């Protein structure tokens, strides 16, 4: 099949959604499918068109101005009409509003969407809920990354997943008992402030490494070493006894490196983000974690996508 993924950011940008799409694409290519990713040209040095790991990437730029920016996006995507017309599957990750005009220009096309995370604002603005409801209504089927999405956005999920790992590691790792890794963006919505409050109460008891970047970098530096955005955090997770993940993919990686998980949150949505997920149940149970990981490799997650499209 010819499959198009439409997403705001992709390679070489580092992030959870980007890794999710890349991992799914890699598995689909193994099965003989052709993948095109249409995404934002967030850096002027990036090529408008290139191929990476057999994934065709098409990029476009637009002004970051409300309304005008969206109109420009619509105009730019209309230029990709031939690509969308020839595609067997169009799967949109969080930016269905970009595709809105084409949804009516190509009403017969098989269009699906995945909803990742939340916008970091609580309570969720009506506009954000409305956009996701419209996106779900205009899609044949959808995938929600987490049970909290149907609860807080009022949409029905056709599939619920949490992300995966490439393969389940078999290493017996020697852990430093006082070592903690915070793996995620250094922002308020990841629970960073609550983690720092906890560190303040347990001052001097732990060695902390922050793998991430953000507006709270300076505050984090007072409590540990900030490594910035780390493409592969394996060497830190291998040593860490505990991981405080900022999101689901971070939790997957931490469990795959035999870390215990600690969760911090600052509002009811983020609390449900974790407590409604399987990570809360298996956060300190390595045997159950391994069973869950084996059922949630990227190969298995790709089968969820294929099953969705077939249904």
Foldseek 3Di string as FASTA:
>chain_A
DEEEEEEADEPPDDDDVNVLVVLLQLLVVVVPYQYEYEYEPPDPPDDQWDADNRYTYHYDYADPDPPRRLVVLLVVVVVCVVSQVPGQEYEYECVVSSCVVVCVVCVPHQYEYEYDDADLDPPHDPVSLVVVQVSCVSHPAYEYQFPLCCVRSVDDHPYYHNAAAQDQDDDDFDADAQEEEEEDACDVQLQNVVVVVVCVVVPPRHAYEYAAYDPCVVVVVVRYHYPHHDNDCLVRLSHHQEYEYSGRVSLNSNLSSVHAYDYGGDDPSSVSRPVRDCCVVCRNPNVVSSVVNNCRHSSNVSVVVVVVSVD
